[in-house]
């Protein structure tokens, strides 16, 4: 009989928006957005105070991707 594995923890990743360690979320260019923040972003109105914070935090994703792309180009 096969016993279920107990006490297995999933790897935690830090959300790029809330900076909290989370188990689940979406990954964009290697950066993670947790499900809670994804939900908040999707339902945020452009006029919301938090919207500009989301935009600024998400810029980090694109800057990271651009930096990685530039590094790869230099290696070739």
C-alpha atoms as a PDB file:
ATOM      1  CA  UNK A   1       0.000   0.000   0.000  1.00  0.00           C
ATOM      2  CA  UNK A   2       1.293   3.442  -0.915  1.00  0.00           C
ATOM      3  CA  UNK A   3       1.250   5.999   1.878  1.00  0.00           C
ATOM      4  CA  UNK A   4       0.683   9.665   1.021  1.00  0.00           C
ATOM      5  CA  UNK A   5       3.706  11.872   1.463  1.00  0.00           C
ATOM      6  CA  UNK A   6       3.324  14.142   4.463  1.00  0.00           C
ATOM      7  CA  UNK A   7       5.030  17.364   5.458  1.00  0.00           C
ATOM      8  CA  UNK A   8       6.096  18.219   1.927  1.00  0.00           C
ATOM      9  CA  UNK A   9       6.330  21.949   1.454  1.00  0.00           C
ATOM     10  CA  UNK A  10       6.283  23.592  -1.938  1.00  0.00           C
ATOM     11  CA  UNK A  11       9.057  25.994  -2.776  1.00  0.00           C
ATOM     12  CA  UNK A  12       8.151  29.540  -1.845  1.00  0.00           C
ATOM     13  CA  UNK A  13       8.805  32.434  -4.173  1.00  0.00           C
ATOM     14  CA  UNK A  14       8.605  36.112  -3.305  1.00  0.00           C
ATOM     15  CA  UNK A  15       5.798  37.991  -5.019  1.00  0.00           C
ATOM     16  CA  UNK A  16       7.162  40.961  -6.952  1.00  0.00           C
ATOM     17  CA  UNK A  17       4.129  43.052  -5.900  1.00  0.00           C
ATOM     18  CA  UNK A  18       3.552  42.347  -2.186  1.00  0.00           C
ATOM     19  CA  UNK A  19       7.051  40.920  -1.504  1.00  0.00           C
ATOM     20  CA  UNK A  20       5.577  38.062   0.539  1.00  0.00           C
ATOM     21  CA  UNK A  21       6.684  34.467   0.106  1.00  0.00           C
ATOM     22  CA  UNK A  22       3.930  32.506  -1.644  1.00  0.00           C
ATOM     23  CA  UNK A  23       3.570  29.004  -3.036  1.00  0.00           C
ATOM     24  CA  UNK A  24       1.388  29.815  -6.035  1.00  0.00           C
ATOM     25  CA  UNK A  25       1.162  32.535  -8.621  1.00  0.00           C
ATOM     26  CA  UNK A  26       1.884  33.409 -12.210  1.00  0.00           C
ATOM     27  CA  UNK A  27       5.395  33.723 -13.542  1.00  0.00           C
ATOM     28  CA  UNK A  28       6.393  36.347 -16.061  1.00  0.00           C
ATOM     29  CA  UNK A  29      10.019  36.306 -17.215  1.00  0.00           C
ATOM     30  CA  UNK A  30      11.003  34.441 -14.061  1.00  0.00           C
ATOM     31  CA  UNK A  31       9.271  36.864 -11.685  1.00  0.00           C
ATOM     32  CA  UNK A  32       6.261  35.716  -9.665  1.00  0.00           C
ATOM     33  CA  UNK A  33       2.980  37.538  -8.969  1.00  0.00           C
ATOM     34  CA  UNK A  34       0.953  35.772  -6.290  1.00  0.00           C
ATOM     35  CA  UNK A  35      -2.679  34.880  -6.892  1.00  0.00           C
ATOM     36  CA  UNK A  36      -3.883  37.494  -4.375  1.00  0.00           C
ATOM     37  CA  UNK A  37      -2.019  40.313  -6.117  1.00  0.00           C
ATOM     38  CA  UNK A  38      -3.061  39.050  -9.548  1.00  0.00           C
ATOM     39  CA  UNK A  39      -6.689  39.237  -8.426  1.00  0.00           C
ATOM     40  CA  UNK A  40      -6.197  42.770  -7.073  1.00  0.00           C
ATOM     41  CA  UNK A  41      -4.491  43.919 -10.290  1.00  0.00           C
ATOM     42  CA  UNK A  42      -7.226  42.475 -12.495  1.00  0.00           C
ATOM     43  CA  UNK A  43      -9.943  44.225 -10.489  1.00  0.00           C
ATOM     44  CA  UNK A  44      -8.070  47.517  -9.988  1.00  0.00           C
ATOM     45  CA  UNK A  45      -9.415  50.621 -11.654  1.00  0.00           C
ATOM     46  CA  UNK A  46      -6.951  52.957 -13.360  1.00  0.00           C
ATOM     47  CA  UNK A  47      -8.021  55.653 -10.917  1.00  0.00           C
ATOM     48  CA  UNK A  48      -7.260  53.517  -7.852  1.00  0.00           C
ATOM     49  CA  UNK A  49      -4.380  54.672  -5.687  1.00  0.00           C
ATOM     50  CA  UNK A  50      -2.880  51.176  -5.752  1.00  0.00           C
ATOM     51  CA  UNK A  51      -2.914  51.009  -9.567  1.00  0.00           C
ATOM     52  CA  UNK A  52       0.170  53.190  -9.975  1.00  0.00           C
ATOM     53  CA  UNK A  53       2.004  51.051  -7.410  1.00  0.00           C
ATOM     54  CA  UNK A  54       1.142  47.934  -9.425  1.00  0.00           C
ATOM     55  CA  UNK A  55       2.477  49.573 -12.577  1.00  0.00           C
ATOM     56  CA  UNK A  56       5.733  50.545 -10.869  1.00  0.00           C
ATOM     57  CA  UNK A  57       6.242  47.089  -9.396  1.00  0.00           C
ATOM     58  CA  UNK A  58       5.501  45.405 -12.716  1.00  0.00           C
ATOM     59  CA  UNK A  59       8.102  47.598 -14.423  1.00  0.00           C
ATOM     60  CA  UNK A  60      10.638  45.564 -12.461  1.00  0.00           C
ATOM     61  CA  UNK A  61       9.550  42.491 -14.437  1.00  0.00           C
ATOM     62  CA  UNK A  62      10.227  44.185 -17.764  1.00  0.00           C
ATOM     63  CA  UNK A  63      13.502  45.725 -16.604  1.00  0.00           C
ATOM     64  CA  UNK A  64      14.648  42.313 -15.409  1.00  0.00           C
ATOM     65  CA  UNK A  65      13.696  40.750 -18.755  1.00  0.00           C
ATOM     66  CA  UNK A  66      15.491  43.502 -20.689  1.00  0.00           C
ATOM     67  CA  UNK A  67      18.574  43.102 -18.543  1.00  0.00           C
ATOM     68  CA  UNK A  68      18.585  39.346 -19.080  1.00  0.00           C
ATOM     69  CA  UNK A  69      18.110  39.775 -22.828  1.00  0.00           C
ATOM     70  CA  UNK A  70      20.963  42.284 -22.962  1.00  0.00           C
ATOM     71  CA  UNK A  71      23.267  39.930 -21.033  1.00  0.00           C
ATOM     72  CA  UNK A  72      22.492  37.074 -23.416  1.00  0.00           C
ATOM     73  CA  UNK A  73      23.170  39.285 -26.438  1.00  0.00           C
ATOM     74  CA  UNK A  74      26.565  40.268 -25.024  1.00  0.00           C
ATOM     75  CA  UNK A  75      27.527  36.603 -24.579  1.00  0.00           C
ATOM     76  CA  UNK A  76      26.851  35.813 -28.246  1.00  0.00           C
END
